[in-house]
């Protein structure tokens, strides 16, 4: 048997070479993203031509989280409207007509066609997410003056009823500080997609893209692909946005399975980044046992970084480290299940 780096290459040599090459690129993306923090002068005046839009189905299942979101927007003194599928006993509510509703994409489409103004910036929130500060208004002013048309906040989870789901959700925070920041702040193109939480977009671009992009259950990702396609420039806001973690592993799995639809959209838009990063995550995890025999590679370094993130999540959630690490493949497995059985319906997780 050939040893790594010696003699004629065999299958194992090629595999180890591929692991080092892919892992090296992945580590570069993580490091470059982490080092390129958004920098906006603190004296930048905030924009005034904005509106925060909270999108909700407006049922009992989501009301506790929605009330929490509205209360935070009021504390920050932000201008907002609640776009709801059902009437609600609160102020600033806009109810979507039944024949124009059906999922988040259609509800927002109705709003865009009837109310969105080209000279206004829109900040979209899900009903269980809220910004922790208003710095994003300064970010809009700074980047907007330089020709940027869309941006995203940084996700940070808060506990739901499932401590395990909360622990696993910390990987989303890490990805925002690395991979997504690399896309938004280095490439200035949202190649990995965008979140619906603190999704910032200029009104004229919103009116151009949203109605034309087609019905979907992964509307935020498809919007990102349209921005990439048209070479619009994007930014990452300094604002952290609090997201409520799923209340159960069932909701966690259903949520991730729905996200698998985004991989199909990526293929349709000829964007290899999302499916490639998902495939590499599985590839790196599967290659961990090779390190015991052939030594560490850059791929195992990537796996170690993500293991550290899951360990951090377990400490935040006060869970045993071992069960969080054992549960960590659930995200990939749920997305695989979603690819096999692609959902056509927007699954509303429990937010009570």
Protein backbone atom coordinates (compact mmCIF):
# COMPACT_ATOMS: atom_id res chain seq x y z
CA UNK A 1 0.00 0.00 0.00
CA UNK A 2 1.25 3.48 -0.86
CA UNK A 3 1.73 5.98 1.90
CA UNK A 4 0.33 9.48 1.57
CA UNK A 5 2.75 11.62 -0.39
CA UNK A 6 5.00 8.70 -1.41
CA UNK A 7 5.20 6.62 -4.56
CA UNK A 8 2.69 6.53 -7.37
CA UNK A 9 -0.68 8.00 -6.56
CA UNK A 10 -3.50 5.58 -5.81
CA UNK A 11 -7.12 6.14 -4.93
CA UNK A 12 -6.37 6.92 -1.30
CA UNK A 13 -3.63 9.40 -2.22
CA UNK A 14 -6.01 11.22 -4.54
CA UNK A 15 -8.71 11.24 -1.85
CA UNK A 16 -6.35 12.72 0.73
CA UNK A 17 -5.15 15.31 -1.78
CA UNK A 18 -8.76 16.25 -2.53
CA UNK A 19 -9.54 16.50 1.19
CA UNK A 20 -6.61 18.85 1.75
CA UNK A 21 -7.46 21.00 -1.26
CA UNK A 22 -11.17 21.27 -0.46
CA UNK A 23 -10.53 21.78 3.24
CA UNK A 24 -7.99 24.48 2.51
CA UNK A 25 -10.43 26.42 0.34
CA UNK A 26 -13.16 26.04 2.97
CA UNK A 27 -10.85 27.26 5.74
CA UNK A 28 -9.90 30.26 3.60
CA UNK A 29 -13.57 31.17 3.13
CA UNK A 30 -14.23 30.88 6.88
CA UNK A 31 -11.16 32.94 7.80
CA UNK A 32 -11.70 35.62 5.14
CA UNK A 33 -15.29 36.04 6.24
CA UNK A 34 -14.40 36.25 9.93
CA UNK A 35 -11.76 38.91 9.28
CA UNK A 36 -13.95 41.17 7.12
CA UNK A 37 -16.28 42.68 9.69
CA UNK A 38 -18.65 45.42 8.49
CA UNK A 39 -17.17 48.83 9.26
CA UNK A 40 -19.52 51.80 9.26
CA UNK A 41 -18.45 55.16 10.74
CA UNK A 42 -20.29 55.63 14.06
CA UNK A 43 -21.27 59.20 13.11
CA UNK A 44 -23.23 57.99 10.05
CA UNK A 45 -26.80 59.34 10.31
CA UNK A 46 -29.54 56.68 10.03
CA UNK A 47 -31.91 56.57 7.08
CA UNK A 48 -35.46 57.77 7.58
CA UNK A 49 -37.03 56.32 4.43
CA UNK A 50 -37.54 52.79 5.73
CA UNK A 51 -40.26 50.40 6.88
CA UNK A 52 -39.90 47.20 8.91
CA UNK A 53 -42.30 44.50 7.66
CA UNK A 54 -43.06 41.59 10.00
CA UNK A 55 -44.54 38.69 8.02
CA UNK A 56 -46.78 36.29 9.93
CA UNK A 57 -49.53 33.74 9.44
CA UNK A 58 -51.21 35.35 12.45
CA UNK A 59 -52.52 32.20 14.19
CA UNK A 60 -52.46 31.28 17.88
CA UNK A 61 -49.44 29.10 17.22
CA UNK A 62 -47.23 32.11 16.45
CA UNK A 63 -48.78 34.87 18.59
CA UNK A 64 -46.40 34.66 21.60
CA UNK A 65 -43.33 35.09 19.39
CA UNK A 66 -45.04 37.79 17.32
CA UNK A 67 -45.92 39.85 20.41
CA UNK A 68 -42.32 39.58 21.57
CA UNK A 69 -41.11 40.84 18.18
CA UNK A 70 -43.53 43.78 18.10
CA UNK A 71 -42.59 44.78 21.66
CA UNK A 72 -38.91 44.90 20.70
CA UNK A 73 -39.62 47.02 17.61
CA UNK A 74 -41.55 49.45 19.79
CA UNK A 75 -38.72 49.58 22.33
CA UNK A 76 -36.31 50.53 19.54
CA UNK A 77 -38.73 53.17 18.23
CA UNK A 78 -38.85 51.61 14.75
CA UNK A 79 -41.48 52.20 12.08
CA UNK A 80 -43.16 48.89 11.30
CA UNK A 81 -46.17 47.08 9.89
CA UNK A 82 -47.34 43.52 10.57
CA UNK A 83 -48.28 41.72 7.35
CA UNK A 84 -50.67 38.99 8.49
CA UNK A 85 -52.73 36.23 6.91
CA UNK A 86 -55.33 36.69 9.66
CA UNK A 87 -56.80 39.65 11.57
CA UNK A 88 -54.93 40.48 14.78
CA UNK A 89 -55.81 42.46 17.87
CA UNK A 90 -52.81 44.81 17.69
CA UNK A 91 -51.84 48.02 15.95
CA UNK A 92 -50.18 48.47 12.54
CA UNK A 93 -51.63 45.28 11.05
CA UNK A 94 -52.17 44.80 7.33
CA UNK A 95 -54.26 41.71 6.46
CA UNK A 96 -53.53 39.92 3.19
CA UNK A 97 -56.66 39.10 1.16
CA UNK A 98 -57.44 35.37 1.10
CA UNK A 99 -57.21 35.11 -2.67
CA UNK A 100 -53.72 36.66 -2.60
CA UNK A 101 -52.35 34.56 0.26
CA UNK A 102 -51.23 30.96 0.68
CA UNK A 103 -47.59 31.26 1.71
CA UNK A 104 -45.01 33.89 2.59
CA UNK A 105 -44.00 34.53 -1.01
CA UNK A 106 -47.58 35.31 -2.09
CA UNK A 107 -48.29 37.50 0.95
CA UNK A 108 -45.20 39.61 0.33
CA UNK A 109 -45.97 39.71 -3.40
CA UNK A 110 -49.35 41.28 -2.62
CA UNK A 111 -47.68 43.83 -0.37
CA UNK A 112 -45.03 44.66 -2.98
CA UNK A 113 -47.51 45.10 -5.83
CA UNK A 114 -49.84 47.30 -3.80
CA UNK A 115 -47.74 49.21 -1.27
CA UNK A 116 -43.97 49.04 -1.87
CA UNK A 117 -42.41 52.35 -2.90
CA UNK A 118 -39.22 52.55 -4.97
CA UNK A 119 -37.69 55.25 -2.72
CA UNK A 120 -38.11 53.29 0.53
CA UNK A 121 -35.91 50.65 2.15
CA UNK A 122 -37.76 47.56 3.42
CA UNK A 123 -36.56 45.40 6.29
CA UNK A 124 -38.34 42.05 6.48
CA UNK A 125 -38.62 40.00 9.66
CA UNK A 126 -40.20 36.66 10.43
CA UNK A 127 -42.63 36.77 13.33
CA UNK A 128 -40.17 35.08 15.71
CA UNK A 129 -37.19 37.32 14.94
CA UNK A 130 -36.26 40.83 16.03
CA UNK A 131 -33.20 43.12 15.83
CA UNK A 132 -31.19 43.73 18.98
CA UNK A 133 -30.34 47.30 17.95
CA UNK A 134 -31.06 49.83 15.20
CA UNK A 135 -27.54 50.04 13.73
CA UNK A 136 -28.91 48.57 10.50
CA UNK A 137 -30.41 52.01 9.75
CA UNK A 138 -26.90 53.51 9.74
CA UNK A 139 -25.68 50.56 7.65
CA UNK A 140 -28.40 51.19 5.07
CA UNK A 141 -27.41 54.87 4.86
CA UNK A 142 -23.71 54.05 4.49
CA UNK A 143 -23.97 51.21 1.99
CA UNK A 144 -26.95 52.66 0.14
CA UNK A 145 -24.97 55.81 -0.67
CA UNK A 146 -22.37 53.55 -2.27
CA UNK A 147 -24.74 51.67 -4.55
CA UNK A 148 -25.55 48.61 -2.45
CA UNK A 149 -29.17 47.47 -2.73
CA UNK A 150 -29.66 44.62 -0.23
CA UNK A 151 -28.28 43.23 3.02
CA UNK A 152 -28.77 40.85 5.91
CA UNK A 153 -28.31 40.87 9.66
CA UNK A 154 -26.38 38.36 11.78
CA UNK A 155 -28.52 35.60 13.30
CA UNK A 156 -28.18 34.76 16.97
CA UNK A 157 -30.45 32.09 18.48
CA UNK A 158 -32.50 32.36 21.64
CA UNK A 159 -33.88 29.28 23.40
CA UNK A 160 -37.15 27.62 22.49
CA UNK A 161 -38.47 24.62 24.43
CA UNK A 162 -35.92 22.24 22.88
CA UNK A 163 -32.46 22.71 24.40
CA UNK A 164 -30.99 20.37 21.78
CA UNK A 165 -32.42 22.37 18.86
CA UNK A 166 -31.10 25.56 20.49
CA UNK A 167 -27.63 24.05 20.80
CA UNK A 168 -27.66 22.98 17.14
CA UNK A 169 -28.87 26.41 16.01
CA UNK A 170 -25.60 28.07 17.07
CA UNK A 171 -24.03 26.84 13.85
CA UNK A 172 -26.23 29.39 12.03
CA UNK A 173 -24.61 32.19 14.04
CA UNK A 174 -21.14 30.87 13.20
CA UNK A 175 -22.00 30.57 9.50
CA UNK A 176 -23.21 34.17 9.45
CA UNK A 177 -19.91 35.37 10.93
CA UNK A 178 -17.89 33.37 8.37
CA UNK A 179 -19.42 31.90 5.18
CA UNK A 180 -22.29 34.34 4.77
CA UNK A 181 -20.07 37.30 5.68
CA UNK A 182 -17.58 36.15 3.04
CA UNK A 183 -20.37 36.22 0.44
CA UNK A 184 -21.91 39.53 1.53
CA UNK A 185 -18.82 41.51 2.58
CA UNK A 186 -16.00 40.05 0.43
CA UNK A 187 -17.71 38.92 -2.78
CA UNK A 188 -20.63 41.36 -2.32
CA UNK A 189 -22.85 38.66 -3.81
CA UNK A 190 -25.19 36.45 -1.70
CA UNK A 191 -24.02 33.17 -3.26
CA UNK A 192 -25.01 31.13 -0.18
CA UNK A 193 -28.45 32.73 -0.01
CA UNK A 194 -30.01 35.19 2.44
CA UNK A 195 -32.14 34.93 5.57
CA UNK A 196 -35.70 36.16 5.90
CA UNK A 197 -34.72 37.61 9.28
CA UNK A 198 -33.60 41.24 8.86
CA UNK A 199 -33.68 40.96 5.09
CA UNK A 200 -32.92 44.48 3.86
CA UNK A 201 -33.71 45.59 0.31
CA UNK A 202 -34.24 48.83 -1.57
CA UNK A 203 -37.80 49.36 -2.76
CA UNK A 204 -37.16 49.67 -6.49
CA UNK A 205 -35.17 46.43 -6.50
CA UNK A 206 -37.83 44.70 -4.41
CA UNK A 207 -40.50 45.76 -6.91
CA UNK A 208 -38.34 44.54 -9.78
CA UNK A 209 -37.45 41.12 -8.40
CA UNK A 210 -40.10 39.80 -6.01
CA UNK A 211 -43.19 39.64 -8.27
CA UNK A 212 -41.21 38.12 -11.15
CA UNK A 213 -39.27 35.40 -9.35
CA UNK A 214 -42.14 32.89 -9.06
CA UNK A 215 -43.96 31.05 -6.29
CA UNK A 216 -41.70 29.21 -3.84
CA UNK A 217 -41.38 28.04 -0.22
CA UNK A 218 -37.77 29.27 -0.06
CA UNK A 219 -38.47 32.84 -1.14
CA UNK A 220 -35.51 34.47 0.63
CA UNK A 221 -33.03 32.17 -1.08
CA UNK A 222 -34.61 32.72 -4.49
CA UNK A 223 -34.43 36.48 -3.98
CA UNK A 224 -30.71 36.09 -3.23
CA UNK A 225 -30.25 34.14 -6.47
CA UNK A 226 -32.01 36.91 -8.41
CA UNK A 227 -29.66 39.46 -6.83
CA UNK A 228 -26.65 37.35 -7.86
CA UNK A 229 -28.03 36.88 -11.37
CA UNK A 230 -28.39 40.64 -11.86
CA UNK A 231 -25.04 41.39 -10.19
CA UNK A 232 -26.53 43.62 -7.51
CA UNK A 233 -24.17 44.40 -4.62
CA UNK A 234 -25.01 43.39 -1.07
CA UNK A 235 -23.75 43.97 2.47
CA UNK A 236 -23.92 42.46 5.94
CA UNK A 237 -25.36 44.65 8.69
CA UNK A 238 -23.69 45.00 12.08
CA UNK A 239 -27.05 44.32 13.72
CA UNK A 240 -27.61 40.97 15.37
CA UNK A 241 -31.11 39.59 14.92
CA UNK A 242 -32.52 37.28 17.57
CA UNK A 243 -34.22 34.15 16.21
CA UNK A 244 -36.24 31.72 18.27
CA UNK A 245 -34.96 28.16 17.99
CA UNK A 246 -37.50 25.43 17.18
CA UNK A 247 -39.49 24.10 20.13
CA UNK A 248 -38.89 20.46 19.14
CA UNK A 249 -36.54 18.34 17.06
CA UNK A 250 -39.51 17.56 14.82
CA UNK A 251 -39.86 21.26 13.97
CA UNK A 252 -36.08 21.51 13.58
CA UNK A 253 -36.08 18.67 11.04
CA UNK A 254 -39.14 20.00 9.17
CA UNK A 255 -37.55 23.44 8.93
CA UNK A 256 -34.29 22.08 7.53
CA UNK A 257 -36.11 19.76 5.12
CA UNK A 258 -37.89 22.79 3.65
CA UNK A 259 -34.54 24.51 3.17
CA UNK A 260 -33.51 21.66 0.86
CA UNK A 261 -35.71 23.27 -1.80
CA UNK A 262 -33.07 25.99 -1.97
CA UNK A 263 -30.54 23.50 -3.35
CA UNK A 264 -32.84 22.86 -6.30
CA UNK A 265 -33.14 26.60 -6.86
CA UNK A 266 -29.35 26.92 -6.78
CA UNK A 267 -29.04 24.34 -9.55
CA UNK A 268 -31.70 26.13 -11.59
CA UNK A 269 -29.78 29.40 -11.23
CA UNK A 270 -26.48 27.62 -12.05
CA UNK A 271 -25.00 28.57 -8.69
CA UNK A 272 -22.81 25.71 -7.44
CA UNK A 273 -21.97 27.29 -4.04
CA UNK A 274 -24.91 26.04 -1.89
CA UNK A 275 -24.98 22.39 -3.08
CA UNK A 276 -21.18 22.27 -3.08
CA UNK A 277 -20.89 23.57 0.50
CA UNK A 278 -23.55 21.06 1.63
CA UNK A 279 -21.75 18.22 -0.13
CA UNK A 280 -18.41 19.28 1.36
CA UNK A 281 -19.88 19.31 4.86
CA UNK A 282 -20.95 15.67 4.41
CA UNK A 283 -17.61 14.83 2.75
CA UNK A 284 -15.57 16.31 5.59
CA UNK A 285 -17.63 14.54 8.26
CA UNK A 286 -17.31 11.19 6.49
CA UNK A 287 -13.54 11.62 6.19
CA UNK A 288 -12.91 12.13 9.92
CA UNK A 289 -12.05 8.42 10.53
CA UNK A 290 -9.19 8.69 8.00
CA UNK A 291 -7.37 11.04 10.35
CA UNK A 292 -6.86 8.22 12.86
CA UNK A 293 -4.80 6.28 10.33
CA UNK A 294 -3.34 8.85 7.95
CA UNK A 295 -3.06 11.92 10.14
CA UNK A 296 -4.93 15.23 10.10
CA UNK A 297 -5.86 17.06 6.92
CA UNK A 298 -7.29 20.51 6.32
CA UNK A 299 -10.66 18.77 5.96
CA UNK A 300 -10.44 17.38 9.48
CA UNK A 301 -9.50 20.90 10.61
CA UNK A 302 -12.81 22.16 9.17
CA UNK A 303 -14.65 19.31 10.92
CA UNK A 304 -12.88 20.23 14.17
CA UNK A 305 -13.94 23.87 13.82
CA UNK A 306 -17.59 22.89 13.45
CA UNK A 307 -17.28 20.40 16.31
CA UNK A 308 -16.08 23.30 18.45
CA UNK A 309 -19.15 25.31 17.38
CA UNK A 310 -21.46 22.46 18.42
CA UNK A 311 -19.61 22.15 21.73
CA UNK A 312 -20.11 25.89 22.28
CA UNK A 313 -23.81 25.43 21.49
CA UNK A 314 -24.03 22.60 24.01
CA UNK A 315 -22.52 24.82 26.70
CA UNK A 316 -24.94 27.66 25.90
CA UNK A 317 -27.87 25.22 26.05
CA UNK A 318 -26.47 23.39 29.09
CA UNK A 319 -26.70 20.06 27.28
CA UNK A 320 -24.26 17.18 27.40
CA UNK A 321 -21.65 17.67 24.68
CA UNK A 322 -21.92 14.10 23.46
CA UNK A 323 -25.63 14.19 22.60
CA UNK A 324 -25.20 17.49 20.72
CA UNK A 325 -22.33 16.03 18.68
CA UNK A 326 -24.35 12.88 17.99
CA UNK A 327 -27.33 15.02 16.88
CA UNK A 328 -25.23 17.34 14.68
CA UNK A 329 -25.74 15.24 11.48
CA UNK A 330 -29.51 15.84 11.81
CA UNK A 331 -29.27 19.03 9.75
CA UNK A 332 -27.67 17.24 6.80
CA UNK A 333 -29.97 14.24 7.12
CA UNK A 334 -33.06 16.48 7.23
CA UNK A 335 -31.93 18.31 4.11
CA UNK A 336 -31.28 15.00 2.38
CA UNK A 337 -34.81 13.90 3.26
CA UNK A 338 -36.09 17.21 1.92
CA UNK A 339 -34.28 16.64 -1.37
CA UNK A 340 -35.84 13.20 -1.74
CA UNK A 341 -39.34 14.37 -0.84
CA UNK A 342 -39.47 18.04 -1.81
CA UNK A 343 -42.17 19.92 0.06
CA UNK A 344 -44.54 22.24 -1.78
CA UNK A 345 -45.99 23.68 1.44
CA UNK A 346 -44.56 26.24 3.83
CA UNK A 347 -44.27 24.46 7.19
CA UNK A 348 -45.07 26.80 10.11
CA UNK A 349 -43.13 25.71 13.18
CA UNK A 350 -44.60 25.98 16.68
CA UNK A 351 -43.69 29.37 18.23
CA UNK A 352 -45.71 29.20 21.46
